[in-house]
Amino acid sequence: MKYLRVKWLHEFIDEPVIMYYEIDDNSIELRKIELFKNGKVGYADFTYQINGSYLSEGQFPDIEEIRKLKEFIVEEISKNEFEKVFNEKVEVLLLKQEKL
């Protein structure tokens, strides 16, 4: 399992600026958290697609390939760091979804 934080340097209003990924050993996204400049949070897994977020089809690109693109800053993070962001940003979204 691999956990990543990707910062996207851009000026698009409707696109996330920080993305967190949980990726399995076959390079498949399992969970994704997207944070936007305006405070909006997106989340996707195999059950939920919240605020326009969705899991990519196919394999996640190699980290070194992403690092070659100057608009992205990629860092490998710990599972604990990913879970902390999940707990702080996503759990409330999931609770809202379950009430619908």
N, C-alpha and C. Protein backbone atom coordinates (compact mmCIF):
# COMPACT_ATOMS: atom_id res chain seq x y z
N MET A 1 0.84 -1.17 0.00
CA MET A 1 0.00 0.00 0.00
C MET A 1 0.90 1.24 0.00
N LYS A 2 0.43 2.27 -0.71
CA LYS A 2 1.19 3.51 -0.82
C LYS A 2 0.23 4.67 -0.56
N TYR A 3 0.74 5.70 0.09
CA TYR A 3 -0.06 6.89 0.38
C TYR A 3 0.69 8.11 -0.14
N LEU A 4 -0.04 8.97 -0.86
CA LEU A 4 0.59 10.13 -1.49
C LEU A 4 -0.18 11.40 -1.19
N ARG A 5 0.57 12.51 -1.13
CA ARG A 5 -0.01 13.85 -1.13
C ARG A 5 0.52 14.52 -2.39
N VAL A 6 -0.39 15.02 -3.21
CA VAL A 6 0.00 15.69 -4.45
C VAL A 6 -0.54 17.11 -4.40
N LYS A 7 0.38 18.08 -4.48
CA LYS A 7 -0.02 19.48 -4.58
C LYS A 7 -0.03 19.85 -6.06
N TRP A 8 -1.12 20.49 -6.48
CA TRP A 8 -1.27 20.89 -7.88
C TRP A 8 -1.21 22.40 -7.92
N LEU A 9 -0.19 22.94 -8.55
CA LEU A 9 0.02 24.38 -8.64
C LEU A 9 -0.70 24.90 -9.88
N HIS A 10 -1.81 25.59 -9.67
CA HIS A 10 -2.62 26.09 -10.77
C HIS A 10 -3.51 27.22 -10.30
N GLU A 11 -4.25 27.82 -11.22
CA GLU A 11 -5.18 28.91 -10.90
C GLU A 11 -6.62 28.56 -11.25
N PHE A 12 -6.93 27.29 -11.50
CA PHE A 12 -8.29 26.88 -11.82
C PHE A 12 -9.16 26.92 -10.56
N ILE A 13 -10.30 27.55 -10.66
CA ILE A 13 -11.19 27.69 -9.50
C ILE A 13 -11.84 26.37 -9.12
N ASP A 14 -12.21 25.57 -10.10
CA ASP A 14 -12.99 24.36 -9.85
C ASP A 14 -12.16 23.09 -9.75
N GLU A 15 -10.88 23.20 -9.55
CA GLU A 15 -10.01 22.03 -9.47
C GLU A 15 -9.33 21.99 -8.09
N PRO A 16 -9.06 20.79 -7.58
CA PRO A 16 -8.40 20.69 -6.27
C PRO A 16 -6.97 21.19 -6.31
N VAL A 17 -6.49 21.64 -5.15
CA VAL A 17 -5.10 22.08 -5.03
C VAL A 17 -4.24 21.06 -4.29
N ILE A 18 -4.88 20.22 -3.47
CA ILE A 18 -4.15 19.14 -2.78
C ILE A 18 -4.99 17.87 -2.90
N MET A 19 -4.33 16.79 -3.27
CA MET A 19 -5.01 15.49 -3.40
C MET A 19 -4.24 14.46 -2.60
N TYR A 20 -4.98 13.64 -1.88
CA TYR A 20 -4.41 12.54 -1.12
C TYR A 20 -4.89 11.24 -1.74
N TYR A 21 -3.98 10.29 -1.89
CA TYR A 21 -4.30 9.02 -2.53
C TYR A 21 -3.88 7.85 -1.65
N GLU A 22 -4.74 6.85 -1.61
CA GLU A 22 -4.39 5.54 -1.08
C GLU A 22 -4.34 4.62 -2.29
N ILE A 23 -3.18 4.01 -2.53
CA ILE A 23 -2.96 3.22 -3.75
C ILE A 23 -2.48 1.83 -3.35
N ASP A 24 -3.10 0.81 -3.95
CA ASP A 24 -2.72 -0.56 -3.59
C ASP A 24 -1.43 -0.99 -4.29
N ASP A 25 -1.01 -2.21 -4.04
CA ASP A 25 0.25 -2.72 -4.59
C ASP A 25 0.21 -2.92 -6.10
N ASN A 26 -0.98 -2.86 -6.70
CA ASN A 26 -1.12 -2.95 -8.16
C ASN A 26 -1.30 -1.58 -8.79
N SER A 27 -1.03 -0.52 -8.02
CA SER A 27 -1.15 0.87 -8.47
C SER A 27 -2.58 1.28 -8.81
N ILE A 28 -3.53 0.74 -8.06
CA ILE A 28 -4.94 1.09 -8.24
C ILE A 28 -5.36 1.99 -7.08
N GLU A 29 -6.04 3.11 -7.41
CA GLU A 29 -6.54 4.00 -6.38
C GLU A 29 -7.64 3.30 -5.58
N LEU A 30 -7.54 3.37 -4.26
CA LEU A 30 -8.57 2.83 -3.39
C LEU A 30 -9.41 3.94 -2.77
N ARG A 31 -8.73 5.01 -2.38
CA ARG A 31 -9.41 6.18 -1.82
C ARG A 31 -8.69 7.44 -2.29
N LYS A 32 -9.47 8.51 -2.47
CA LYS A 32 -8.92 9.79 -2.89
C LYS A 32 -9.62 10.89 -2.12
N ILE A 33 -8.84 11.83 -1.61
CA ILE A 33 -9.36 13.02 -0.95
C ILE A 33 -8.86 14.22 -1.73
N GLU A 34 -9.77 15.14 -2.07
CA GLU A 34 -9.40 16.33 -2.82
C GLU A 34 -9.78 17.57 -2.02
N LEU A 35 -8.81 18.48 -1.85
CA LEU A 35 -9.04 19.72 -1.12
C LEU A 35 -8.95 20.90 -2.09
N PHE A 36 -9.90 21.81 -2.00
CA PHE A 36 -10.01 22.95 -2.90
C PHE A 36 -9.68 24.24 -2.16
N LYS A 37 -9.29 25.27 -2.91
CA LYS A 37 -8.95 26.57 -2.33
C LYS A 37 -10.10 27.15 -1.51
N ASN A 38 -11.32 26.92 -1.95
CA ASN A 38 -12.48 27.52 -1.28
C ASN A 38 -12.95 26.70 -0.07
N GLY A 39 -12.21 25.66 0.30
CA GLY A 39 -12.57 24.85 1.46
C GLY A 39 -13.38 23.61 1.14
N LYS A 40 -13.85 23.50 -0.10
CA LYS A 40 -14.61 22.32 -0.50
C LYS A 40 -13.73 21.08 -0.40
N VAL A 41 -14.35 19.96 -0.03
CA VAL A 41 -13.64 18.69 0.08
C VAL A 41 -14.35 17.67 -0.81
N GLY A 42 -13.59 16.98 -1.63
CA GLY A 42 -14.12 15.89 -2.44
C GLY A 42 -13.55 14.58 -1.93
N TYR A 43 -14.31 13.51 -2.14
CA TYR A 43 -13.86 12.20 -1.70
C TYR A 43 -14.41 11.14 -2.63
N ALA A 44 -13.60 10.12 -2.87
CA ALA A 44 -14.05 8.98 -3.67
C ALA A 44 -13.41 7.70 -3.15
N ASP A 45 -14.22 6.64 -3.20
CA ASP A 45 -13.75 5.27 -3.00
C ASP A 45 -14.64 4.39 -3.86
N PHE A 46 -14.65 3.09 -3.63
CA PHE A 46 -15.46 2.22 -4.48
C PHE A 46 -16.95 2.33 -4.18
N THR A 47 -17.31 3.02 -3.10
CA THR A 47 -18.72 3.19 -2.72
C THR A 47 -19.21 4.61 -2.95
N TYR A 48 -18.38 5.60 -2.65
CA TYR A 48 -18.80 7.00 -2.68
C TYR A 48 -18.06 7.81 -3.73
N GLN A 49 -18.78 8.79 -4.30
CA GLN A 49 -18.21 9.83 -5.15
C GLN A 49 -18.85 11.13 -4.68
N ILE A 50 -18.10 11.91 -3.90
CA ILE A 50 -18.65 13.08 -3.25
C ILE A 50 -18.01 14.35 -3.81
N ASN A 51 -18.87 15.33 -4.11
CA ASN A 51 -18.44 16.64 -4.62
C ASN A 51 -17.59 16.55 -5.88
N GLY A 52 -17.99 15.65 -6.77
CA GLY A 52 -17.34 15.54 -8.08
C GLY A 52 -16.08 14.70 -8.12
N SER A 53 -15.67 14.16 -7.00
CA SER A 53 -14.47 13.31 -6.99
C SER A 53 -14.80 11.90 -7.44
N TYR A 54 -13.87 11.27 -8.09
CA TYR A 54 -14.04 9.88 -8.53
C TYR A 54 -12.66 9.23 -8.63
N LEU A 55 -12.65 7.92 -8.53
CA LEU A 55 -11.40 7.18 -8.67
C LEU A 55 -11.05 7.06 -10.14
N SER A 56 -9.77 7.16 -10.44
CA SER A 56 -9.31 7.00 -11.81
C SER A 56 -9.39 5.53 -12.21
N GLU A 57 -9.66 5.31 -13.48
CA GLU A 57 -9.66 3.94 -14.00
C GLU A 57 -8.22 3.56 -14.35
N GLY A 58 -7.90 2.31 -14.19
CA GLY A 58 -6.56 1.85 -14.54
C GLY A 58 -5.55 2.15 -13.46
N GLN A 59 -4.30 2.00 -13.82
CA GLN A 59 -3.22 2.14 -12.85
C GLN A 59 -2.84 3.60 -12.63
N PHE A 60 -2.48 3.90 -11.40
CA PHE A 60 -1.98 5.23 -11.05
C PHE A 60 -0.60 5.40 -11.68
N PRO A 61 -0.30 6.58 -12.21
CA PRO A 61 1.01 6.78 -12.85
C PRO A 61 2.17 6.63 -11.86
N ASP A 62 3.31 6.31 -12.38
CA ASP A 62 4.52 6.21 -11.59
C ASP A 62 4.84 7.57 -10.96
N ILE A 63 5.24 7.58 -9.72
CA ILE A 63 5.52 8.83 -9.01
C ILE A 63 6.57 9.66 -9.73
N GLU A 64 7.58 9.02 -10.25
CA GLU A 64 8.65 9.76 -10.95
C GLU A 64 8.13 10.45 -12.21
N GLU A 65 7.15 9.84 -12.87
CA GLU A 65 6.55 10.48 -14.05
C GLU A 65 5.79 11.74 -13.64
N ILE A 66 5.10 11.68 -12.52
CA ILE A 66 4.37 12.85 -12.04
C ILE A 66 5.34 13.95 -11.64
N ARG A 67 6.43 13.58 -11.00
CA ARG A 67 7.42 14.57 -10.56
C ARG A 67 8.05 15.32 -11.72
N LYS A 68 8.05 14.75 -12.91
CA LYS A 68 8.60 15.43 -14.09
C LYS A 68 7.74 16.61 -14.51
N LEU A 69 6.48 16.63 -14.08
CA LEU A 69 5.56 17.72 -14.42
C LEU A 69 5.69 18.81 -13.37
N LYS A 70 6.12 20.00 -13.77
CA LYS A 70 6.45 21.03 -12.79
C LYS A 70 5.25 21.59 -12.04
N GLU A 71 4.02 21.31 -12.49
CA GLU A 71 2.85 21.82 -11.77
C GLU A 71 2.42 20.92 -10.62
N PHE A 72 3.10 19.79 -10.44
CA PHE A 72 2.76 18.86 -9.36
C PHE A 72 3.93 18.66 -8.41
N ILE A 73 3.62 18.65 -7.12
CA ILE A 73 4.60 18.31 -6.08
C ILE A 73 4.07 17.05 -5.40
N VAL A 74 4.81 15.97 -5.50
CA VAL A 74 4.37 14.67 -4.98
C VAL A 74 5.22 14.27 -3.79
N GLU A 75 4.54 13.84 -2.72
CA GLU A 75 5.23 13.35 -1.55
C GLU A 75 4.59 12.04 -1.12
N GLU A 76 5.42 11.08 -0.77
CA GLU A 76 4.90 9.87 -0.14
C GLU A 76 4.68 10.20 1.33
N ILE A 77 3.53 9.81 1.86
CA ILE A 77 3.20 10.08 3.25
C ILE A 77 2.88 8.77 3.96
N SER A 78 2.72 8.84 5.26
CA SER A 78 2.41 7.63 6.02
C SER A 78 0.90 7.35 5.97
N LYS A 79 0.54 6.12 6.29
CA LYS A 79 -0.86 5.76 6.42
C LYS A 79 -1.52 6.60 7.51
N ASN A 80 -0.79 6.84 8.59
CA ASN A 80 -1.33 7.64 9.68
C ASN A 80 -1.68 9.05 9.22
N GLU A 81 -0.82 9.65 8.41
CA GLU A 81 -1.10 11.00 7.90
C GLU A 81 -2.34 10.99 7.00
N PHE A 82 -2.44 9.98 6.13
CA PHE A 82 -3.63 9.87 5.28
C PHE A 82 -4.88 9.73 6.14
N GLU A 83 -4.83 8.86 7.12
CA GLU A 83 -6.00 8.62 7.98
C GLU A 83 -6.37 9.87 8.78
N LYS A 84 -5.39 10.66 9.17
CA LYS A 84 -5.66 11.90 9.90
C LYS A 84 -6.46 12.86 9.01
N VAL A 85 -6.04 13.01 7.77
CA VAL A 85 -6.78 13.88 6.84
C VAL A 85 -8.17 13.30 6.59
N PHE A 86 -8.25 11.99 6.41
CA PHE A 86 -9.55 11.34 6.22
C PHE A 86 -10.46 11.64 7.40
N ASN A 87 -9.98 11.46 8.61
CA ASN A 87 -10.79 11.68 9.81
C ASN A 87 -11.21 13.14 9.95
N GLU A 88 -10.32 14.06 9.61
CA GLU A 88 -10.62 15.49 9.76
C GLU A 88 -11.52 16.03 8.65
N LYS A 89 -11.36 15.54 7.44
CA LYS A 89 -12.03 16.14 6.29
C LYS A 89 -13.17 15.31 5.70
N VAL A 90 -13.11 13.99 5.82
CA VAL A 90 -14.03 13.14 5.07
C VAL A 90 -15.13 12.52 5.92
N GLU A 91 -14.85 12.17 7.14
CA GLU A 91 -15.86 11.47 7.95
C GLU A 91 -17.18 12.22 7.99
N VAL A 92 -17.14 13.55 8.12
CA VAL A 92 -18.38 14.33 8.17
C VAL A 92 -19.13 14.24 6.84
N LEU A 93 -18.40 14.19 5.73
CA LEU A 93 -19.04 14.03 4.42
C LEU A 93 -19.76 12.70 4.32
N LEU A 94 -19.13 11.65 4.82
CA LEU A 94 -19.74 10.32 4.76
C LEU A 94 -20.98 10.25 5.65
N LEU A 95 -20.93 10.89 6.79
CA LEU A 95 -22.11 10.91 7.66
C LEU A 95 -23.29 11.60 6.97
N LYS A 96 -23.03 12.70 6.27
CA LYS A 96 -24.07 13.40 5.52
C LYS A 96 -24.65 12.50 4.43
N GLN A 97 -23.78 11.76 3.74
CA GLN A 97 -24.23 10.87 2.66
C GLN A 97 -25.15 9.78 3.21
N GLU A 98 -24.80 9.25 4.37
CA GLU A 98 -25.59 8.16 4.95
C GLU A 98 -26.95 8.64 5.42
N LYS A 99 -27.09 9.92 5.70
CA LYS A 99 -28.38 10.47 6.13
C LYS A 99 -29.32 10.73 4.95
N LEU A 100 -28.76 10.78 3.75
CA LEU A 100 -29.60 11.04 2.56
C LEU A 100 -30.48 9.86 2.20
